Amino acid sequence: MDYKDYTSLNVWKDAKALVSDIYRLTRKFPDNENYGLTSQMQRCAISVPSNIAEGCGRNHSKDSIQFFYISRGSLYELETQIHISLDLEYIKQEELTNILNQITVCKKLLNGFINYYKTK
């Protein structure tokens, strides 16, 4: 598989879907969070597929893997922010569960991709 075509990767597709869901979710946040938690969550979510794409575009495996690690870190950051959103009562438990499930899937796919990429 040619990893330069990152758009065919399931890990990238799922991460991109997560971005859309985070944007939909944060639309309901209070206006005073526009430059706070809302912005942070959106930037964090965008970071995941963006860094996967950037990693695939690198010529050296070591560089690529570093971008995949950044994506993984963004998933953990987003996971924390979604918990904070529940604590602040911006989202419901069901929404938390749904997003956490998506994040878990993305983490598993990304970890598998990183492990595979290290062997190529």
Protein backbone atom coordinates (compact mmCIF):
# COMPACT_ATOMS: atom_id res chain seq x y z
CA MET A 1 0.00 0.00 0.00
CA ASP A 2 1.22 3.49 -0.84
CA TYR A 3 0.96 5.53 2.35
CA LYS A 4 1.27 8.75 0.36
CA ASP A 5 -2.43 8.14 -0.35
CA TYR A 6 -3.36 8.62 3.29
CA THR A 7 -7.04 9.18 2.37
CA SER A 8 -7.43 5.44 1.82
CA LEU A 9 -6.31 4.61 5.37
CA ASN A 10 -9.05 3.62 7.82
CA VAL A 11 -7.18 5.34 10.64
CA TRP A 12 -7.29 8.65 8.73
CA LYS A 13 -10.96 8.19 7.75
CA ASP A 14 -12.03 7.48 11.33
CA ALA A 15 -9.97 10.40 12.66
CA LYS A 16 -11.58 12.71 10.09
CA ALA A 17 -15.05 11.52 11.13
CA LEU A 18 -14.15 12.30 14.73
CA VAL A 19 -13.39 15.91 13.71
CA SER A 20 -16.90 16.34 12.30
CA ASP A 21 -18.45 14.88 15.44
CA ILE A 22 -16.40 17.15 17.71
CA TYR A 23 -17.45 20.20 15.69
CA ARG A 24 -21.11 19.18 15.93
CA LEU A 25 -20.78 18.57 19.66
CA THR A 26 -18.98 21.83 20.45
CA ARG A 27 -21.57 23.91 18.58
CA LYS A 28 -23.74 23.49 21.67
CA PHE A 29 -21.11 24.82 24.07
CA PRO A 30 -21.64 28.26 25.64
CA ASP A 31 -20.37 31.26 23.68
CA ASN A 32 -17.89 32.10 26.42
CA GLU A 33 -16.04 28.88 25.49
CA ASN A 34 -15.48 29.93 21.85
CA TYR A 35 -11.86 30.83 22.57
CA GLY A 36 -11.44 28.28 25.34
CA LEU A 37 -12.54 24.68 25.46
CA THR A 38 -14.44 24.80 22.14
CA SER A 39 -11.44 26.05 20.21
CA GLN A 40 -9.06 23.73 22.01
CA MET A 41 -11.17 20.64 21.31
CA GLN A 42 -11.61 21.55 17.67
CA ARG A 43 -7.89 22.19 17.14
CA CYS A 44 -7.04 19.00 18.97
CA ALA A 45 -9.45 16.94 16.86
CA ILE A 46 -8.13 18.48 13.62
CA SER A 47 -4.60 17.64 14.70
CA VAL A 48 -5.28 13.90 14.58
CA PRO A 49 -5.98 13.34 10.85
CA SER A 50 -3.74 16.26 9.89
CA ASN A 51 -0.69 14.74 11.55
CA ILE A 52 -1.47 11.33 10.07
CA ALA A 53 -1.50 12.97 6.64
CA GLU A 54 1.71 14.88 7.34
CA GLY A 55 3.42 11.74 8.60
CA CYS A 56 2.47 9.88 5.44
CA GLY A 57 3.98 12.69 3.39
CA ARG A 58 7.41 12.44 5.01
CA ASN A 59 10.28 10.67 3.29
CA HIS A 60 11.87 9.17 6.38
CA SER A 61 10.21 6.60 8.59
CA LYS A 62 11.48 8.25 11.78
CA ASP A 63 9.90 11.58 10.79
CA SER A 64 6.64 9.87 9.85
CA ILE A 65 6.36 8.03 13.14
CA GLN A 66 6.91 11.26 15.09
CA PHE A 67 3.82 12.76 13.42
CA PHE A 68 1.83 9.62 14.22
CA TYR A 69 2.86 9.99 17.86
CA ILE A 70 1.64 13.60 17.81
CA SER A 71 -1.72 12.33 16.51
CA ARG A 72 -1.87 9.82 19.33
CA GLY A 73 -1.08 12.51 21.89
CA SER A 74 -3.89 14.64 20.49
CA LEU A 75 -6.32 11.77 21.01
CA TYR A 76 -5.36 11.56 24.68
CA GLU A 77 -5.67 15.32 25.01
CA LEU A 78 -9.12 15.24 23.40
CA GLU A 79 -10.14 12.42 25.72
CA THR A 80 -9.35 14.62 28.71
CA GLN A 81 -11.23 17.57 27.23
CA ILE A 82 -14.34 15.49 26.62
CA HIS A 83 -14.32 14.44 30.29
CA ILE A 84 -14.00 18.10 31.30
CA SER A 85 -16.96 18.90 29.04
CA LEU A 86 -19.06 16.41 30.98
CA ASP A 87 -17.88 17.84 34.31
CA LEU A 88 -18.95 21.31 33.14
CA GLU A 89 -22.31 19.86 32.04
CA TYR A 90 -21.78 20.90 28.41
CA ILE A 91 -22.49 17.35 27.24
CA LYS A 92 -24.52 14.37 28.40
CA GLN A 93 -23.13 11.02 29.52
CA GLU A 94 -24.33 9.38 26.29
CA GLU A 95 -22.39 11.93 24.22
CA LEU A 96 -19.30 11.31 26.34
CA THR A 97 -19.61 7.57 25.81
CA ASN A 98 -20.06 7.92 22.05
CA ILE A 99 -17.03 10.19 21.62
CA LEU A 100 -14.88 8.08 23.94
CA ASN A 101 -15.76 5.01 21.87
CA GLN A 102 -14.66 6.82 18.71
CA ILE A 103 -11.44 7.93 20.37
CA THR A 104 -10.74 4.36 21.51
CA VAL A 105 -11.21 3.05 17.97
CA CYS A 106 -8.90 5.76 16.62
CA LYS A 107 -6.25 4.97 19.24
CA LYS A 108 -6.36 1.25 18.42
CA LEU A 109 -6.14 1.87 14.68
CA LEU A 110 -3.35 4.39 15.12
CA ASN A 111 -1.36 2.13 17.45
CA GLY A 112 -1.70 -0.71 14.97
CA PHE A 113 -0.66 1.55 12.12
CA ILE A 114 2.38 2.81 14.06
CA ASN A 115 3.45 -0.74 14.90
CA TYR A 116 3.04 -1.84 11.29
CA TYR A 117 4.80 1.25 9.97
CA LYS A 118 7.80 0.56 12.21
CA THR A 119 8.29 -2.81 10.50
CA LYS A 120 8.24 -1.57 6.92
